[in-house]
Amino acid sequence: MTDLEYMDHAEEALAAIERCCDQLNDRTDADLDNQRVGGMITITFVNGSQLIVNLQKPLHEIWLAARSGGYHYRFDGKAWVDTKTGEEFFAQLSREATAQAGMTLSFSGN
């Protein structure tokens, strides 16, 4: 994958996260505070916990930092998948957000 292809796919993922946060705030009482600075999005929950998603351009990866740990994802041509487990990024993001918010939250790349 070229640097340009990576950035196109990575920017699509970050934009999807921002859209999902807005939609979740409209549909639920989650009250997510999402802030983007360059290639990093910080999602802050009412309880003060955070999820941090950031781009790792030299590695062509997206990293997710959560209370449960850190995760690294690479684009496989269809989706961002964990470099160790093969789990899809938005599924993990949904699970982590649900755990930290104390309510079911669903993120998707659409």
Protein backbone atom coordinates (compact mmCIF):
# COMPACT_ATOMS: atom_id res chain seq x y z
CA MET A 1 0.00 0.00 0.00
CA THR A 2 1.31 3.44 -0.85
CA ASP A 3 1.40 6.28 1.64
CA LEU A 4 -1.43 7.99 -0.27
CA GLU A 5 -3.61 4.87 -0.19
CA TYR A 6 -2.95 4.49 3.52
CA MET A 7 -3.96 8.09 4.20
CA ASP A 8 -7.15 7.74 2.14
CA HIS A 9 -8.26 4.65 4.07
CA ALA A 10 -7.13 6.02 7.43
CA GLU A 11 -8.91 9.35 6.92
CA GLU A 12 -12.08 7.46 5.99
CA ALA A 13 -11.84 5.55 9.28
CA LEU A 14 -11.33 8.71 11.34
CA ALA A 15 -14.24 10.44 9.61
CA ALA A 16 -16.43 7.39 10.33
CA ILE A 17 -15.50 7.56 14.03
CA GLU A 18 -16.46 11.23 14.16
CA ARG A 19 -19.79 10.52 12.42
CA CYS A 20 -20.54 7.65 14.81
CA CYS A 21 -19.83 9.83 17.85
CA ASP A 22 -22.25 12.47 16.54
CA GLN A 23 -24.90 9.84 15.81
CA LEU A 24 -24.47 8.19 19.21
CA ASN A 25 -24.84 11.56 20.93
CA ASP A 26 -28.06 12.16 18.97
CA ARG A 27 -29.52 8.70 19.69
CA THR A 28 -28.29 7.91 23.23
CA ASP A 29 -27.44 9.52 26.54
CA ALA A 30 -23.76 8.61 26.10
CA ASP A 31 -22.66 12.27 25.91
CA LEU A 32 -19.39 11.48 24.13
CA ASP A 33 -16.87 14.27 23.75
CA ASN A 34 -14.75 13.60 20.69
CA GLN A 35 -11.89 15.85 19.71
CA ARG A 36 -9.68 15.50 16.69
CA VAL A 37 -6.21 16.94 16.40
CA GLY A 38 -4.51 15.99 13.15
CA GLY A 39 -4.43 12.19 12.94
CA MET A 40 -5.66 11.61 16.49
CA ILE A 41 -9.17 11.38 17.94
CA THR A 42 -9.77 11.39 21.68
CA ILE A 43 -13.18 10.16 22.82
CA THR A 44 -13.94 11.14 26.41
CA PHE A 45 -16.77 9.51 28.34
CA VAL A 46 -18.90 10.99 31.14
CA ASN A 47 -16.88 9.01 33.71
CA GLY A 48 -13.68 10.69 32.50
CA SER A 49 -12.23 7.61 30.78
CA GLN A 50 -10.93 7.95 27.25
CA LEU A 51 -10.35 6.06 24.04
CA ILE A 52 -7.59 7.36 21.81
CA VAL A 53 -7.33 6.51 18.13
CA ASN A 54 -4.28 7.71 16.27
CA LEU A 55 -2.61 7.18 12.95
CA GLN A 56 0.85 5.67 12.77
CA LYS A 57 1.82 6.84 9.29
CA PRO A 58 5.30 5.29 9.06
CA LEU A 59 3.83 1.87 9.90
CA HIS A 60 0.60 2.30 7.89
CA GLU A 61 -1.36 1.45 11.03
CA ILE A 62 -4.14 2.80 13.21
CA TRP A 63 -3.63 2.44 16.95
CA LEU A 64 -6.34 2.26 19.61
CA ALA A 65 -5.56 2.97 23.26
CA ALA A 66 -8.19 1.82 25.76
CA ARG A 67 -8.37 0.88 29.44
CA SER A 68 -7.93 -2.75 28.39
CA GLY A 69 -4.73 -2.08 26.47
CA GLY A 70 -3.29 -0.93 23.17
CA TYR A 71 -4.19 -2.34 19.76
CA HIS A 72 -2.60 -1.99 16.32
CA TYR A 73 -4.54 -2.32 13.05
CA ARG A 74 -3.53 -2.63 9.39
CA PHE A 75 -5.76 -2.32 6.37
CA ASP A 76 -6.19 -5.69 4.62
CA GLY A 77 -7.90 -4.31 1.52
CA LYS A 78 -11.37 -4.47 3.07
CA ALA A 79 -11.08 -3.56 6.75
CA TRP A 80 -8.69 -2.51 9.49
CA VAL A 81 -7.65 -5.66 11.35
CA ASP A 82 -5.67 -6.20 14.55
CA THR A 83 -2.09 -7.19 13.79
CA LYS A 84 -2.16 -9.88 16.51
CA THR A 85 -5.73 -11.21 16.63
CA GLY A 86 -7.18 -10.35 13.22
CA GLU A 87 -10.15 -8.67 14.89
CA GLU A 88 -11.83 -5.86 12.97
CA PHE A 89 -11.18 -2.33 14.26
CA PHE A 90 -14.76 -1.05 14.55
CA ALA A 91 -15.86 -4.21 16.40
CA GLN A 92 -13.10 -3.66 18.98
CA LEU A 93 -13.87 0.07 19.19
CA SER A 94 -17.54 -0.74 19.84
CA ARG A 95 -16.65 -3.22 22.57
CA GLU A 96 -14.23 -0.83 24.26
CA ALA A 97 -16.67 2.11 24.05
CA THR A 98 -19.47 -0.05 25.46
CA ALA A 99 -17.27 -1.10 28.39
CA GLN A 100 -16.16 2.44 29.16
CA ALA A 101 -19.59 4.07 28.70
CA GLY A 102 -21.53 1.43 30.61
CA MET A 103 -24.07 1.21 27.77
CA THR A 104 -24.15 -0.44 24.36
CA LEU A 105 -22.43 1.75 21.76
CA SER A 106 -21.88 0.67 18.19
CA PHE A 107 -19.30 2.08 15.80
CA SER A 108 -19.04 1.20 12.12
CA GLY A 109 -16.98 2.23 9.14
CA ASN A 110 -20.03 3.24 7.11
